[in-house]
Amino acid sequence: MAHASLAKLVWTGYQPGVIGQVTALHAVYYARHWGFDLSFESQVARELSDFLRAFDPARDFFLAAWDGPELAGAVALDGHSTPEEGARLRWFIVAEPWQGRGLGRELMRRLLDFARLAGHRRLYLWTFAGLDAARRLYDACGFVLAQEHPVEQWGGRIVEQRLGLDLTPQG
């Protein structure tokens, strides 16, 4: 059951301004907490723009949650990869005032429901060590660590992690 405060949110797909707002949430959060630089913000803006321009509602998913004019959170599923590679979970972010209130779980629930209905058999995502709340949510959804390695990017050094989820019916 979704947290009661989520009832006040308005849920949308693309709407004008959402690319900038999703990018801003990522850029500000990761600069403040991880020291990420301009290369991160520009990558988010460019790749999210490209994804939404090529959006195919049969395979792709984008969901934004709004608290009035403010973006509370967002998530996307990019389904353009091969079935073997799987669909890629991307741009998952919850604004700091909404963290710990169930919004992340609800965004993930809706994304996973879409992934199953769309027939995706595998999902994956890239994250990095230290995002503990997100990692707990990914683990709770059944994602497992597939690989990790240190990288120099976005103005710092992180331990990048690839997580995967098998959605094939068990039985």
N, C-alpha and C. Protein backbone atom coordinates (compact mmCIF):
# COMPACT_ATOMS: atom_id res chain seq x y z
N MET A 1 0.85 -1.19 0.00
CA MET A 1 0.00 0.00 0.00
C MET A 1 0.89 1.24 0.00
N ALA A 2 0.59 2.14 -0.88
CA ALA A 2 1.37 3.37 -0.98
C ALA A 2 1.11 4.27 0.23
N HIS A 3 2.12 4.99 0.63
CA HIS A 3 2.03 5.92 1.75
C HIS A 3 0.95 6.96 1.46
N ALA A 4 0.19 7.33 2.48
CA ALA A 4 -0.95 8.24 2.31
C ALA A 4 -0.56 9.57 1.66
N SER A 5 0.63 10.10 1.95
CA SER A 5 1.01 11.40 1.38
C SER A 5 1.20 11.32 -0.13
N LEU A 6 1.36 10.12 -0.68
CA LEU A 6 1.52 9.98 -2.12
C LEU A 6 0.23 10.31 -2.87
N ALA A 7 -0.89 10.28 -2.17
CA ALA A 7 -2.19 10.56 -2.81
C ALA A 7 -2.25 11.97 -3.38
N LYS A 8 -1.47 12.89 -2.84
CA LYS A 8 -1.51 14.27 -3.34
C LYS A 8 -0.69 14.48 -4.60
N LEU A 9 0.09 13.49 -4.99
CA LEU A 9 0.95 13.62 -6.16
C LEU A 9 0.15 13.47 -7.45
N VAL A 10 0.61 14.15 -8.49
CA VAL A 10 0.07 14.00 -9.84
C VAL A 10 1.12 13.23 -10.64
N TRP A 11 0.68 12.20 -11.34
CA TRP A 11 1.57 11.31 -12.08
C TRP A 11 1.45 11.61 -13.57
N THR A 12 2.59 11.82 -14.23
CA THR A 12 2.57 12.12 -15.67
C THR A 12 3.69 11.36 -16.37
N GLY A 13 3.57 11.31 -17.68
CA GLY A 13 4.68 10.93 -18.52
C GLY A 13 5.41 12.21 -18.88
N TYR A 14 5.85 12.29 -20.14
CA TYR A 14 6.51 13.51 -20.58
C TYR A 14 5.54 14.68 -20.51
N GLN A 15 6.05 15.81 -20.09
CA GLN A 15 5.37 17.09 -20.24
C GLN A 15 6.44 18.16 -20.34
N PRO A 16 6.14 19.30 -20.95
CA PRO A 16 7.16 20.33 -21.12
C PRO A 16 7.82 20.70 -19.79
N GLY A 17 9.14 20.75 -19.82
CA GLY A 17 9.92 21.11 -18.65
C GLY A 17 10.45 19.94 -17.85
N VAL A 18 9.93 18.74 -18.11
CA VAL A 18 10.33 17.60 -17.28
C VAL A 18 11.79 17.21 -17.50
N ILE A 19 12.31 17.36 -18.70
CA ILE A 19 13.72 17.03 -18.94
C ILE A 19 14.61 17.91 -18.06
N GLY A 20 14.32 19.20 -18.04
CA GLY A 20 15.09 20.12 -17.21
C GLY A 20 14.96 19.81 -15.72
N GLN A 21 13.76 19.48 -15.28
CA GLN A 21 13.55 19.23 -13.86
C GLN A 21 14.22 17.93 -13.41
N VAL A 22 14.11 16.87 -14.23
CA VAL A 22 14.78 15.61 -13.88
C VAL A 22 16.29 15.83 -13.87
N THR A 23 16.78 16.54 -14.87
CA THR A 23 18.22 16.83 -14.93
C THR A 23 18.65 17.64 -13.71
N ALA A 24 17.89 18.66 -13.35
CA ALA A 24 18.24 19.50 -12.20
C ALA A 24 18.27 18.69 -10.90
N LEU A 25 17.28 17.84 -10.69
CA LEU A 25 17.28 17.02 -9.47
C LEU A 25 18.55 16.18 -9.39
N HIS A 26 18.91 15.52 -10.50
CA HIS A 26 20.13 14.71 -10.52
C HIS A 26 21.37 15.57 -10.30
N ALA A 27 21.47 16.66 -11.06
CA ALA A 27 22.68 17.49 -11.00
C ALA A 27 22.92 18.05 -9.60
N VAL A 28 21.89 18.60 -8.99
CA VAL A 28 22.04 19.22 -7.67
C VAL A 28 22.35 18.15 -6.61
N TYR A 29 21.60 17.05 -6.62
CA TYR A 29 21.82 16.00 -5.62
C TYR A 29 23.24 15.43 -5.71
N TYR A 30 23.65 15.06 -6.92
CA TYR A 30 24.94 14.39 -7.05
C TYR A 30 26.12 15.36 -6.93
N ALA A 31 25.94 16.62 -7.24
CA ALA A 31 27.00 17.61 -6.98
C ALA A 31 27.14 17.82 -5.48
N ARG A 32 26.02 17.96 -4.78
CA ARG A 32 26.04 18.23 -3.34
C ARG A 32 26.61 17.05 -2.56
N HIS A 33 26.16 15.84 -2.88
CA HIS A 33 26.52 14.68 -2.06
C HIS A 33 27.71 13.89 -2.57
N TRP A 34 28.06 14.03 -3.86
CA TRP A 34 29.12 13.20 -4.43
C TRP A 34 30.16 14.01 -5.19
N GLY A 35 29.97 15.31 -5.31
CA GLY A 35 30.95 16.14 -5.99
C GLY A 35 30.97 16.00 -7.51
N PHE A 36 29.90 15.47 -8.09
CA PHE A 36 29.87 15.30 -9.55
C PHE A 36 29.91 16.67 -10.24
N ASP A 37 30.51 16.68 -11.42
CA ASP A 37 30.73 17.93 -12.14
C ASP A 37 29.78 18.10 -13.33
N LEU A 38 30.08 19.08 -14.15
CA LEU A 38 29.26 19.41 -15.31
C LEU A 38 29.09 18.23 -16.26
N SER A 39 30.08 17.37 -16.36
CA SER A 39 29.98 16.24 -17.29
C SER A 39 28.80 15.34 -16.93
N PHE A 40 28.50 15.21 -15.63
CA PHE A 40 27.35 14.39 -15.21
C PHE A 40 26.04 15.04 -15.63
N GLU A 41 25.87 16.31 -15.31
CA GLU A 41 24.63 17.01 -15.65
C GLU A 41 24.39 17.00 -17.15
N SER A 42 25.42 17.26 -17.93
CA SER A 42 25.24 17.30 -19.38
C SER A 42 24.92 15.91 -19.93
N GLN A 43 25.50 14.86 -19.34
CA GLN A 43 25.18 13.50 -19.78
C GLN A 43 23.73 13.16 -19.48
N VAL A 44 23.24 13.49 -18.29
CA VAL A 44 21.84 13.23 -17.95
C VAL A 44 20.92 13.96 -18.92
N ALA A 45 21.17 15.24 -19.14
CA ALA A 45 20.30 16.03 -20.03
C ALA A 45 20.30 15.48 -21.46
N ARG A 46 21.48 15.17 -21.97
CA ARG A 46 21.59 14.67 -23.35
C ARG A 46 20.92 13.31 -23.50
N GLU A 47 21.23 12.38 -22.61
CA GLU A 47 20.70 11.02 -22.76
C GLU A 47 19.20 10.94 -22.47
N LEU A 48 18.72 11.72 -21.50
CA LEU A 48 17.29 11.74 -21.23
C LEU A 48 16.54 12.37 -22.41
N SER A 49 17.08 13.43 -22.99
CA SER A 49 16.47 14.05 -24.16
C SER A 49 16.40 13.06 -25.32
N ASP A 50 17.50 12.37 -25.57
CA ASP A 50 17.53 11.39 -26.67
C ASP A 50 16.50 10.27 -26.42
N PHE A 51 16.42 9.80 -25.19
CA PHE A 51 15.46 8.74 -24.84
C PHE A 51 14.03 9.21 -25.10
N LEU A 52 13.67 10.38 -24.64
CA LEU A 52 12.30 10.84 -24.79
C LEU A 52 11.97 11.14 -26.26
N ARG A 53 12.94 11.60 -27.03
CA ARG A 53 12.69 11.84 -28.46
C ARG A 53 12.42 10.55 -29.20
N ALA A 54 13.04 9.45 -28.79
CA ALA A 54 12.87 8.15 -29.46
C ALA A 54 11.87 7.25 -28.72
N PHE A 55 11.14 7.80 -27.78
CA PHE A 55 10.25 7.04 -26.89
C PHE A 55 9.25 6.19 -27.68
N ASP A 56 9.18 4.91 -27.32
CA ASP A 56 8.22 3.98 -27.90
C ASP A 56 7.38 3.43 -26.75
N PRO A 57 6.10 3.82 -26.66
CA PRO A 57 5.29 3.41 -25.51
C PRO A 57 5.07 1.90 -25.39
N ALA A 58 5.37 1.15 -26.43
CA ALA A 58 5.24 -0.31 -26.34
C ALA A 58 6.40 -0.94 -25.57
N ARG A 59 7.55 -0.26 -25.53
CA ARG A 59 8.72 -0.85 -24.87
C ARG A 59 9.34 0.04 -23.80
N ASP A 60 9.06 1.35 -23.86
CA ASP A 60 9.70 2.32 -22.96
C ASP A 60 8.69 2.84 -21.95
N PHE A 61 9.23 3.29 -20.80
CA PHE A 61 8.39 3.79 -19.71
C PHE A 61 9.05 5.03 -19.15
N PHE A 62 8.25 6.05 -18.89
CA PHE A 62 8.73 7.24 -18.21
C PHE A 62 7.62 7.72 -17.30
N LEU A 63 7.95 7.94 -16.03
CA LEU A 63 6.96 8.38 -15.07
C LEU A 63 7.55 9.47 -14.19
N ALA A 64 6.80 10.56 -14.06
CA ALA A 64 7.17 11.67 -13.18
C ALA A 64 6.06 11.87 -12.16
N ALA A 65 6.45 12.13 -10.93
CA ALA A 65 5.49 12.41 -9.85
C ALA A 65 5.68 13.88 -9.44
N TRP A 66 4.57 14.61 -9.42
CA TRP A 66 4.60 16.05 -9.18
C TRP A 66 3.87 16.40 -7.90
N ASP A 67 4.48 17.26 -7.12
CA ASP A 67 3.86 17.87 -5.95
C ASP A 67 3.63 19.33 -6.33
N GLY A 68 2.46 19.60 -6.91
CA GLY A 68 2.22 20.92 -7.49
C GLY A 68 3.18 21.11 -8.65
N PRO A 69 3.89 22.25 -8.70
CA PRO A 69 4.82 22.48 -9.81
C PRO A 69 6.20 21.82 -9.59
N GLU A 70 6.41 21.23 -8.42
CA GLU A 70 7.71 20.66 -8.08
C GLU A 70 7.77 19.18 -8.42
N LEU A 71 8.86 18.76 -9.04
CA LEU A 71 9.06 17.35 -9.34
C LEU A 71 9.45 16.62 -8.05
N ALA A 72 8.64 15.64 -7.67
CA ALA A 72 8.91 14.85 -6.47
C ALA A 72 9.80 13.65 -6.77
N GLY A 73 9.68 13.13 -7.98
CA GLY A 73 10.50 11.98 -8.36
C GLY A 73 10.20 11.53 -9.77
N ALA A 74 11.08 10.68 -10.29
CA ALA A 74 10.91 10.18 -11.65
C ALA A 74 11.69 8.89 -11.82
N VAL A 75 11.29 8.14 -12.85
CA VAL A 75 12.00 6.92 -13.23
C VAL A 75 11.70 6.63 -14.69
N ALA A 76 12.60 5.91 -15.35
CA ALA A 76 12.40 5.53 -16.74
C ALA A 76 12.89 4.11 -16.96
N LEU A 77 12.33 3.50 -17.98
CA LEU A 77 12.79 2.19 -18.45
C LEU A 77 13.02 2.31 -19.95
N ASP A 78 14.26 2.13 -20.35
CA ASP A 78 14.66 2.23 -21.75
C ASP A 78 14.68 0.82 -22.32
N GLY A 79 13.72 0.52 -23.19
CA GLY A 79 13.57 -0.83 -23.70
C GLY A 79 14.17 -1.06 -25.07
N HIS A 80 15.09 -0.21 -25.52
CA HIS A 80 15.62 -0.36 -26.88
C HIS A 80 16.70 -1.42 -27.00
N SER A 81 17.23 -1.93 -25.89
CA SER A 81 18.30 -2.93 -25.94
C SER A 81 17.77 -4.27 -26.45
N THR A 82 18.69 -5.19 -26.69
CA THR A 82 18.30 -6.53 -27.12
C THR A 82 17.61 -7.26 -25.96
N PRO A 83 16.75 -8.22 -26.25
CA PRO A 83 16.11 -8.99 -25.17
C PRO A 83 17.14 -9.67 -24.26
N GLU A 84 18.27 -10.09 -24.83
CA GLU A 84 19.31 -10.74 -24.01
C GLU A 84 19.91 -9.76 -23.01
N GLU A 85 20.13 -8.53 -23.45
CA GLU A 85 20.69 -7.52 -22.55
C GLU A 85 19.64 -7.06 -21.55
N GLY A 86 18.43 -6.86 -22.02
CA GLY A 86 17.34 -6.43 -21.16
C GLY A 86 17.08 -4.94 -21.27
N ALA A 87 15.97 -4.53 -20.69
CA ALA A 87 15.61 -3.12 -20.63
C ALA A 87 16.38 -2.46 -19.50
N ARG A 88 16.73 -1.19 -19.68
CA ARG A 88 17.58 -0.49 -18.72
C ARG A 88 16.78 0.50 -17.88
N LEU A 89 16.82 0.32 -16.58
CA LEU A 89 16.22 1.26 -15.63
C LEU A 89 17.15 2.47 -15.56
N ARG A 90 16.57 3.67 -15.71
CA ARG A 90 17.40 4.88 -15.75
C ARG A 90 16.70 6.04 -15.06
N TRP A 91 17.46 7.04 -14.71
CA TRP A 91 17.01 8.34 -14.21
C TRP A 91 16.05 8.22 -13.02
N PHE A 92 16.32 7.25 -12.16
CA PHE A 92 15.53 7.07 -10.95
C PHE A 92 16.01 8.09 -9.92
N ILE A 93 15.10 8.95 -9.51
CA ILE A 93 15.45 10.02 -8.56
C ILE A 93 14.22 10.37 -7.74
N VAL A 94 14.46 10.62 -6.46
CA VAL A 94 13.41 11.10 -5.57
C VAL A 94 13.94 12.37 -4.92
N ALA A 95 13.18 13.46 -5.03
CA ALA A 95 13.59 14.73 -4.43
C ALA A 95 13.75 14.55 -2.93
N GLU A 96 14.72 15.23 -2.36
CA GLU A 96 15.05 15.03 -0.95
C GLU A 96 13.84 15.18 -0.01
N PRO A 97 12.92 16.14 -0.20
CA PRO A 97 11.77 16.21 0.71
C PRO A 97 10.87 14.98 0.66
N TRP A 98 10.97 14.21 -0.40
CA TRP A 98 10.11 13.02 -0.58
C TRP A 98 10.82 11.72 -0.23
N GLN A 99 12.10 11.78 0.06
CA GLN A 99 12.82 10.55 0.40
C GLN A 99 12.31 10.00 1.72
N GLY A 100 12.19 8.66 1.79
CA GLY A 100 11.72 7.99 3.00
C GLY A 100 10.21 8.00 3.18
N ARG A 101 9.48 8.40 2.15
CA ARG A 101 8.01 8.50 2.26
C ARG A 101 7.28 7.51 1.36
N GLY A 102 8.02 6.58 0.76
CA GLY A 102 7.39 5.55 -0.06
C GLY A 102 7.34 5.86 -1.55
N LEU A 103 7.79 7.04 -1.95
CA LEU A 103 7.72 7.40 -3.36
C LEU A 103 8.63 6.53 -4.22
N GLY A 104 9.82 6.26 -3.75
CA GLY A 104 10.73 5.40 -4.52
C GLY A 104 10.14 4.02 -4.74
N ARG A 105 9.56 3.44 -3.70
CA ARG A 105 8.91 2.12 -3.83
C ARG A 105 7.77 2.17 -4.83
N GLU A 106 6.98 3.24 -4.81
CA GLU A 106 5.85 3.35 -5.74
C GLU A 106 6.33 3.53 -7.18
N LEU A 107 7.36 4.34 -7.40
CA LEU A 107 7.92 4.48 -8.73
C LEU A 107 8.42 3.14 -9.25
N MET A 108 9.13 2.40 -8.40
CA MET A 108 9.64 1.09 -8.81
C MET A 108 8.51 0.10 -9.07
N ARG A 109 7.48 0.12 -8.25
CA ARG A 109 6.34 -0.79 -8.44
C ARG A 109 5.71 -0.55 -9.81
N ARG A 110 5.48 0.71 -10.14
CA ARG A 110 4.85 1.04 -11.42
C ARG A 110 5.75 0.68 -12.60
N LEU A 111 7.05 0.91 -12.45
CA LEU A 111 7.99 0.54 -13.50
C LEU A 111 8.01 -0.97 -13.71
N LEU A 112 8.06 -1.74 -12.64
CA LEU A 112 8.11 -3.20 -12.76
C LEU A 112 6.80 -3.74 -13.33
N ASP A 113 5.68 -3.16 -12.94
CA ASP A 113 4.39 -3.57 -13.52
C ASP A 113 4.41 -3.35 -15.03
N PHE A 114 4.89 -2.18 -15.47
CA PHE A 114 5.00 -1.91 -16.91
C PHE A 114 5.93 -2.91 -17.58
N ALA A 115 7.09 -3.15 -16.99
CA ALA A 115 8.08 -4.05 -17.59
C ALA A 115 7.48 -5.44 -17.84
N ARG A 116 6.74 -5.93 -16.89
CA ARG A 116 6.12 -7.25 -17.05
C ARG A 116 5.05 -7.21 -18.14
N LEU A 117 4.19 -6.19 -18.13
CA LEU A 117 3.14 -6.08 -19.15
C LEU A 117 3.72 -5.92 -20.56
N ALA A 118 4.84 -5.22 -20.67
CA ALA A 118 5.49 -4.99 -21.96
C ALA A 118 6.26 -6.22 -22.44
N GLY A 119 6.39 -7.23 -21.58
CA GLY A 119 7.07 -8.46 -21.96
C GLY A 119 8.57 -8.44 -21.79
N HIS A 120 9.10 -7.49 -21.08
CA HIS A 120 10.55 -7.49 -20.82
C HIS A 120 10.87 -8.67 -19.90
N ARG A 121 11.89 -9.42 -20.28
CA ARG A 121 12.27 -10.60 -19.49
C ARG A 121 13.45 -10.33 -18.57
N ARG A 122 14.21 -9.29 -18.88
CA ARG A 122 15.37 -8.93 -18.06
C ARG A 122 15.43 -7.41 -17.95
N LEU A 123 15.86 -6.95 -16.78
CA LEU A 123 16.13 -5.53 -16.57
C LEU A 123 17.54 -5.40 -16.04
N TYR A 124 18.13 -4.25 -16.25
CA TYR A 124 19.42 -3.94 -15.64
C TYR A 124 19.50 -2.46 -15.36
N LEU A 125 20.45 -2.10 -14.53
CA LEU A 125 20.72 -0.70 -14.23
C LEU A 125 22.17 -0.56 -13.84
N TRP A 126 22.67 0.65 -14.02
CA TRP A 126 24.00 1.02 -13.54
C TRP A 126 23.81 1.97 -12.36
N THR A 127 24.54 1.72 -11.29
CA THR A 127 24.54 2.57 -10.12
C THR A 127 25.96 2.60 -9.59
N PHE A 128 26.16 3.05 -8.37
CA PHE A 128 27.49 2.98 -7.79
C PHE A 128 27.40 2.77 -6.29
N ALA A 129 28.46 2.22 -5.74
CA ALA A 129 28.52 1.91 -4.32
C ALA A 129 28.35 3.19 -3.50
N GLY A 130 27.56 3.11 -2.45
CA GLY A 130 27.35 4.24 -1.56
C GLY A 130 25.94 4.79 -1.60
N LEU A 131 25.17 4.45 -2.63
CA LEU A 131 23.77 4.89 -2.70
C LEU A 131 22.93 3.85 -1.96
N ASP A 132 23.06 3.84 -0.65
CA ASP A 132 22.54 2.74 0.16
C ASP A 132 21.03 2.61 0.15
N ALA A 133 20.29 3.71 0.22
CA ALA A 133 18.82 3.62 0.23
C ALA A 133 18.32 3.07 -1.09
N ALA A 134 18.87 3.55 -2.19
CA ALA A 134 18.46 3.04 -3.50
C ALA A 134 18.83 1.56 -3.62
N ARG A 135 20.01 1.21 -3.14
CA ARG A 135 20.44 -0.19 -3.24
C ARG A 135 19.52 -1.11 -2.43
N ARG A 136 19.09 -0.67 -1.26
CA ARG A 136 18.15 -1.49 -0.47
C ARG A 136 16.85 -1.70 -1.25
N LEU A 137 16.39 -0.67 -1.94
CA LEU A 137 15.17 -0.79 -2.73
C LEU A 137 15.40 -1.73 -3.91
N TYR A 138 16.50 -1.60 -4.61
CA TYR A 138 16.79 -2.50 -5.72
C TYR A 138 16.86 -3.95 -5.23
N ASP A 139 17.54 -4.17 -4.12
CA ASP A 139 17.63 -5.52 -3.55
C ASP A 139 16.24 -6.06 -3.21
N ALA A 140 15.39 -5.24 -2.61
CA ALA A 140 14.04 -5.65 -2.23
C ALA A 140 13.20 -6.01 -3.46
N CYS A 141 13.51 -5.40 -4.60
CA CYS A 141 12.79 -5.69 -5.84
C CYS A 141 13.35 -6.92 -6.56
N GLY A 142 14.45 -7.46 -6.05
CA GLY A 142 15.03 -8.67 -6.64
C GLY A 142 16.23 -8.46 -7.53
N PHE A 143 16.70 -7.23 -7.67
CA PHE A 143 17.92 -6.99 -8.45
C PHE A 143 19.11 -7.61 -7.73
N VAL A 144 20.05 -8.13 -8.51
CA VAL A 144 21.27 -8.71 -7.94
C VAL A 144 22.48 -8.08 -8.62
N LEU A 145 23.57 -7.98 -7.86
CA LEU A 145 24.81 -7.42 -8.37
C LEU A 145 25.39 -8.36 -9.42
N ALA A 146 25.63 -7.83 -10.61
CA ALA A 146 26.19 -8.62 -11.71
C ALA A 146 27.67 -8.32 -11.92
N GLN A 147 28.06 -7.07 -11.69
CA GLN A 147 29.47 -6.69 -11.83
C GLN A 147 29.71 -5.35 -11.15
N GLU A 148 30.96 -5.13 -10.77
CA GLU A 148 31.35 -3.83 -10.23
C GLU A 148 32.82 -3.59 -10.51
N HIS A 149 33.16 -2.31 -10.66
CA HIS A 149 34.54 -1.93 -10.92
C HIS A 149 34.70 -0.43 -10.65
N PRO A 150 35.90 -0.03 -10.22
CA PRO A 150 36.14 1.40 -10.00
C PRO A 150 36.31 2.12 -11.34
N VAL A 151 35.78 3.36 -11.39
CA VAL A 151 35.92 4.18 -12.59
C VAL A 151 36.18 5.62 -12.17
N GLU A 152 36.87 6.33 -13.04
CA GLU A 152 37.06 7.77 -12.91
C GLU A 152 36.07 8.42 -13.87
N GLN A 153 35.08 9.09 -13.33
CA GLN A 153 34.13 9.80 -14.18
C GLN A 153 33.40 10.85 -13.37
N TRP A 154 32.83 11.81 -14.07
CA TRP A 154 32.02 12.86 -13.47
C TRP A 154 32.80 13.65 -12.41
N GLY A 155 34.10 13.72 -12.58
CA GLY A 155 34.93 14.52 -11.69
C GLY A 155 35.38 13.80 -10.43
N GLY A 156 35.23 12.50 -10.38
CA GLY A 156 35.66 11.76 -9.19
C GLY A 156 35.83 10.29 -9.49
N ARG A 157 36.06 9.53 -8.43
CA ARG A 157 36.25 8.09 -8.53
C ARG A 157 35.10 7.41 -7.80
N ILE A 158 34.44 6.49 -8.50
CA ILE A 158 33.33 5.74 -7.91
C ILE A 158 33.52 4.25 -8.20
N VAL A 159 32.81 3.43 -7.48
CA VAL A 159 32.76 1.99 -7.78
C VAL A 159 31.42 1.75 -8.47
N GLU A 160 31.49 1.66 -9.79
CA GLU A 160 30.29 1.47 -10.60
C GLU A 160 29.79 0.04 -10.43
N GLN A 161 28.46 -0.10 -10.40
CA GLN A 161 27.85 -1.41 -10.21
C GLN A 161 26.74 -1.61 -11.24
N ARG A 162 26.72 -2.80 -11.80
CA ARG A 162 25.61 -3.19 -12.68
C ARG A 162 24.77 -4.21 -11.92
N LEU A 163 23.47 -3.93 -11.84
CA LEU A 163 22.54 -4.84 -11.19
C LEU A 163 21.59 -5.38 -12.25
N GLY A 164 21.14 -6.61 -12.06
CA GLY A 164 20.23 -7.22 -13.01
C GLY A 164 19.05 -7.86 -12.32
N LEU A 165 17.97 -7.98 -13.06
CA LEU A 165 16.74 -8.60 -12.56
C LEU A 165 16.17 -9.49 -13.65
N ASP A 166 15.93 -10.75 -13.32
CA ASP A 166 15.32 -11.69 -14.25
C ASP A 166 13.81 -11.69 -14.00
N LEU A 167 13.04 -11.35 -15.02
CA LEU A 167 11.58 -11.30 -14.89
C LEU A 167 10.89 -12.51 -15.52
N THR A 168 11.69 -13.50 -15.97
CA THR A 168 11.05 -14.67 -16.57
C THR A 168 10.27 -15.40 -15.49
N PRO A 169 9.07 -15.85 -15.85
CA PRO A 169 8.24 -16.55 -14.85
C PRO A 169 8.95 -17.79 -14.31
N GLN A 170 8.89 -17.94 -13.01
CA GLN A 170 9.48 -19.10 -12.35
C GLN A 170 8.40 -20.16 -12.17
N GLY A 171 8.75 -21.40 -12.36
CA GLY A 171 7.72 -22.40 -12.15
C GLY A 171 8.15 -23.66 -12.69
